Amino acid sequence: MLALIVAIPLIAAIALFRIPSESKEWIRNIALGSSGLVFLLALGIFLGFDSSNSAMQFVHECDWVSVLNIEFK
């Protein structure tokens, strides 16, 4: 979920750059939709947080380039 919270605004920004500036309604809808989706994902993380657990929560690990030991954490 954390990766989506980072990726959704990036994807929305790329989409907004491709839309002509005359399409104000499309721009507004994409911006509002992506912001709302990020808010819902963040709300899900907030509600799923266990304050009695002192360990790291919602950890996402992914190997990008194994040969060079590059990871996404």
N, C-alpha and C. Protein backbone atom coordinates (compact mmCIF):
# COMPACT_ATOMS: atom_id res chain seq x y z
N MET A 1 0.80 -1.18 0.00
CA MET A 1 0.00 0.00 0.00
C MET A 1 0.86 1.27 0.00
N LEU A 2 1.99 1.21 0.68
CA LEU A 2 2.85 2.39 0.71
C LEU A 2 3.39 2.74 -0.67
N ALA A 3 3.69 1.73 -1.45
CA ALA A 3 4.18 1.99 -2.81
C ALA A 3 3.10 2.65 -3.66
N LEU A 4 1.85 2.28 -3.44
CA LEU A 4 0.75 2.90 -4.18
C LEU A 4 0.57 4.36 -3.78
N ILE A 5 0.76 4.66 -2.51
CA ILE A 5 0.63 6.04 -2.05
C ILE A 5 1.68 6.94 -2.71
N VAL A 6 2.81 6.37 -3.04
CA VAL A 6 3.86 7.13 -3.73
C VAL A 6 3.60 7.14 -5.24
N ALA A 7 3.16 6.01 -5.79
CA ALA A 7 3.04 5.87 -7.24
C ALA A 7 1.82 6.59 -7.82
N ILE A 8 0.72 6.61 -7.10
CA ILE A 8 -0.51 7.20 -7.66
C ILE A 8 -0.34 8.68 -8.00
N PRO A 9 0.21 9.52 -7.12
CA PRO A 9 0.42 10.92 -7.53
C PRO A 9 1.39 11.07 -8.71
N LEU A 10 2.38 10.21 -8.77
CA LEU A 10 3.33 10.26 -9.88
C LEU A 10 2.63 9.93 -11.20
N ILE A 11 1.81 8.89 -11.19
CA ILE A 11 1.07 8.51 -12.40
C ILE A 11 0.08 9.60 -12.78
N ALA A 12 -0.59 10.17 -11.78
CA ALA A 12 -1.54 11.26 -12.05
C ALA A 12 -0.84 12.47 -12.64
N ALA A 13 0.34 12.80 -12.13
CA ALA A 13 1.08 13.95 -12.65
C ALA A 13 1.49 13.72 -14.11
N ILE A 14 1.91 12.52 -14.42
CA ILE A 14 2.27 12.21 -15.81
C ILE A 14 1.05 12.32 -16.70
N ALA A 15 -0.10 11.83 -16.22
CA ALA A 15 -1.34 11.94 -16.99
C ALA A 15 -1.74 13.40 -17.18
N LEU A 16 -1.57 14.21 -16.16
CA LEU A 16 -1.97 15.62 -16.24
C LEU A 16 -1.09 16.39 -17.22
N PHE A 17 0.16 16.02 -17.34
CA PHE A 17 1.04 16.68 -18.31
C PHE A 17 0.60 16.41 -19.75
N ARG A 18 -0.07 15.29 -19.97
CA ARG A 18 -0.46 14.91 -21.32
C ARG A 18 -1.82 15.48 -21.73
N ILE A 19 -2.56 16.04 -20.79
CA ILE A 19 -3.89 16.57 -21.08
C ILE A 19 -3.76 18.04 -21.47
N PRO A 20 -4.44 18.46 -22.54
CA PRO A 20 -4.39 19.88 -22.92
C PRO A 20 -4.97 20.77 -21.83
N SER A 21 -4.45 21.97 -21.69
CA SER A 21 -4.88 22.87 -20.61
C SER A 21 -6.32 23.34 -20.77
N GLU A 22 -6.90 23.17 -21.95
CA GLU A 22 -8.30 23.56 -22.16
C GLU A 22 -9.26 22.58 -21.49
N SER A 23 -8.82 21.40 -21.18
CA SER A 23 -9.68 20.36 -20.59
C SER A 23 -9.66 20.47 -19.07
N LYS A 24 -10.17 21.58 -18.58
CA LYS A 24 -10.11 21.85 -17.14
C LYS A 24 -10.91 20.83 -16.33
N GLU A 25 -12.01 20.34 -16.86
CA GLU A 25 -12.81 19.36 -16.11
C GLU A 25 -12.07 18.04 -15.97
N TRP A 26 -11.39 17.59 -17.03
CA TRP A 26 -10.59 16.36 -16.95
C TRP A 26 -9.46 16.51 -15.94
N ILE A 27 -8.81 17.66 -15.99
CA ILE A 27 -7.70 17.92 -15.06
C ILE A 27 -8.19 17.88 -13.63
N ARG A 28 -9.32 18.54 -13.39
CA ARG A 28 -9.89 18.58 -12.04
C ARG A 28 -10.28 17.19 -11.57
N ASN A 29 -10.90 16.41 -12.45
CA ASN A 29 -11.34 15.06 -12.07
C ASN A 29 -10.17 14.13 -11.77
N ILE A 30 -9.13 14.20 -12.57
CA ILE A 30 -7.96 13.34 -12.33
C ILE A 30 -7.26 13.74 -11.03
N ALA A 31 -7.12 15.04 -10.81
CA ALA A 31 -6.47 15.50 -9.57
C ALA A 31 -7.29 15.10 -8.35
N LEU A 32 -8.60 15.31 -8.41
CA LEU A 32 -9.45 14.96 -7.28
C LEU A 32 -9.49 13.44 -7.06
N GLY A 33 -9.59 12.69 -8.14
CA GLY A 33 -9.63 11.23 -8.02
C GLY A 33 -8.36 10.65 -7.44
N SER A 34 -7.22 11.13 -7.91
CA SER A 34 -5.96 10.59 -7.39
C SER A 34 -5.76 11.02 -5.93
N SER A 35 -6.12 12.24 -5.60
CA SER A 35 -5.99 12.69 -4.21
C SER A 35 -6.92 11.90 -3.29
N GLY A 36 -8.13 11.65 -3.75
CA GLY A 36 -9.08 10.87 -2.95
C GLY A 36 -8.61 9.44 -2.75
N LEU A 37 -8.06 8.85 -3.79
CA LEU A 37 -7.56 7.48 -3.68
C LEU A 37 -6.38 7.39 -2.72
N VAL A 38 -5.48 8.34 -2.79
CA VAL A 38 -4.34 8.37 -1.87
C VAL A 38 -4.84 8.57 -0.44
N PHE A 39 -5.84 9.43 -0.25
CA PHE A 39 -6.40 9.64 1.07
C PHE A 39 -7.00 8.35 1.62
N LEU A 40 -7.75 7.63 0.80
CA LEU A 40 -8.36 6.37 1.26
C LEU A 40 -7.30 5.33 1.62
N LEU A 41 -6.25 5.25 0.84
CA LEU A 41 -5.16 4.31 1.15
C LEU A 41 -4.47 4.70 2.46
N ALA A 42 -4.22 6.00 2.63
CA ALA A 42 -3.59 6.47 3.88
C ALA A 42 -4.51 6.23 5.07
N LEU A 43 -5.81 6.41 4.88
CA LEU A 43 -6.76 6.15 5.95
C LEU A 43 -6.76 4.67 6.32
N GLY A 44 -6.66 3.79 5.32
CA GLY A 44 -6.57 2.36 5.59
C GLY A 44 -5.33 2.00 6.39
N ILE A 45 -4.22 2.63 6.07
CA ILE A 45 -2.99 2.39 6.83
C ILE A 45 -3.14 2.91 8.26
N PHE A 46 -3.72 4.09 8.40
CA PHE A 46 -3.92 4.67 9.73
C PHE A 46 -4.81 3.79 10.59
N LEU A 47 -5.91 3.31 10.02
CA LEU A 47 -6.83 2.47 10.79
C LEU A 47 -6.25 1.09 11.08
N GLY A 48 -5.34 0.62 10.24
CA GLY A 48 -4.73 -0.68 10.44
C GLY A 48 -3.50 -0.65 11.34
N PHE A 49 -3.11 0.52 11.78
CA PHE A 49 -1.92 0.65 12.63
C PHE A 49 -2.20 0.10 14.02
N ASP A 50 -1.28 -0.72 14.51
CA ASP A 50 -1.41 -1.32 15.84
C ASP A 50 -0.44 -0.61 16.77
N SER A 51 -0.97 0.27 17.62
CA SER A 51 -0.10 1.06 18.50
C SER A 51 0.52 0.23 19.62
N SER A 52 0.00 -0.96 19.87
CA SER A 52 0.58 -1.82 20.91
C SER A 52 1.77 -2.62 20.38
N ASN A 53 2.00 -2.58 19.08
CA ASN A 53 3.10 -3.31 18.45
C ASN A 53 4.25 -2.33 18.21
N SER A 54 5.41 -2.60 18.81
CA SER A 54 6.55 -1.69 18.65
C SER A 54 7.40 -2.02 17.43
N ALA A 55 7.08 -3.09 16.72
CA ALA A 55 7.86 -3.47 15.54
C ALA A 55 7.45 -2.60 14.34
N MET A 56 8.25 -2.65 13.30
CA MET A 56 7.92 -1.92 12.08
C MET A 56 6.64 -2.49 11.49
N GLN A 57 5.77 -1.62 11.04
CA GLN A 57 4.51 -2.06 10.45
C GLN A 57 4.42 -1.55 9.02
N PHE A 58 3.67 -2.27 8.20
CA PHE A 58 3.44 -1.91 6.79
C PHE A 58 4.75 -1.80 6.02
N VAL A 59 5.65 -2.72 6.27
CA VAL A 59 6.95 -2.73 5.60
C VAL A 59 6.78 -3.39 4.23
N HIS A 60 7.34 -2.75 3.23
CA HIS A 60 7.31 -3.29 1.86
C HIS A 60 8.74 -3.36 1.36
N GLU A 61 9.19 -4.57 1.06
CA GLU A 61 10.55 -4.75 0.57
C GLU A 61 10.51 -5.40 -0.81
N CYS A 62 11.36 -4.91 -1.69
CA CYS A 62 11.40 -5.43 -3.05
C CYS A 62 12.82 -5.29 -3.59
N ASP A 63 13.36 -6.35 -4.17
CA ASP A 63 14.67 -6.30 -4.81
C ASP A 63 14.54 -5.67 -6.19
N TRP A 64 15.35 -4.66 -6.47
CA TRP A 64 15.34 -4.05 -7.79
C TRP A 64 16.45 -4.63 -8.65
N VAL A 65 17.67 -4.52 -8.18
CA VAL A 65 18.82 -5.06 -8.91
C VAL A 65 19.57 -5.94 -7.93
N SER A 66 19.30 -7.24 -8.01
CA SER A 66 19.88 -8.18 -7.05
C SER A 66 21.39 -8.24 -7.13
N VAL A 67 21.93 -8.12 -8.34
CA VAL A 67 23.37 -8.23 -8.54
C VAL A 67 24.11 -7.11 -7.80
N LEU A 68 23.53 -5.92 -7.77
CA LEU A 68 24.15 -4.78 -7.11
C LEU A 68 23.63 -4.56 -5.70
N ASN A 69 22.78 -5.48 -5.25
CA ASN A 69 22.19 -5.42 -3.91
C ASN A 69 21.40 -4.12 -3.69
N ILE A 70 20.61 -3.74 -4.71
CA ILE A 70 19.77 -2.55 -4.64
C ILE A 70 18.35 -2.99 -4.32
N GLU A 71 17.79 -2.41 -3.25
CA GLU A 71 16.46 -2.81 -2.79
C GLU A 71 15.58 -1.59 -2.59
N PHE A 72 14.28 -1.83 -2.62
CA PHE A 72 13.29 -0.82 -2.26
C PHE A 72 12.72 -1.23 -0.92
N LYS A 73 12.86 -0.38 0.08
CA LYS A 73 12.33 -0.69 1.42
C LYS A 73 11.46 0.43 1.87
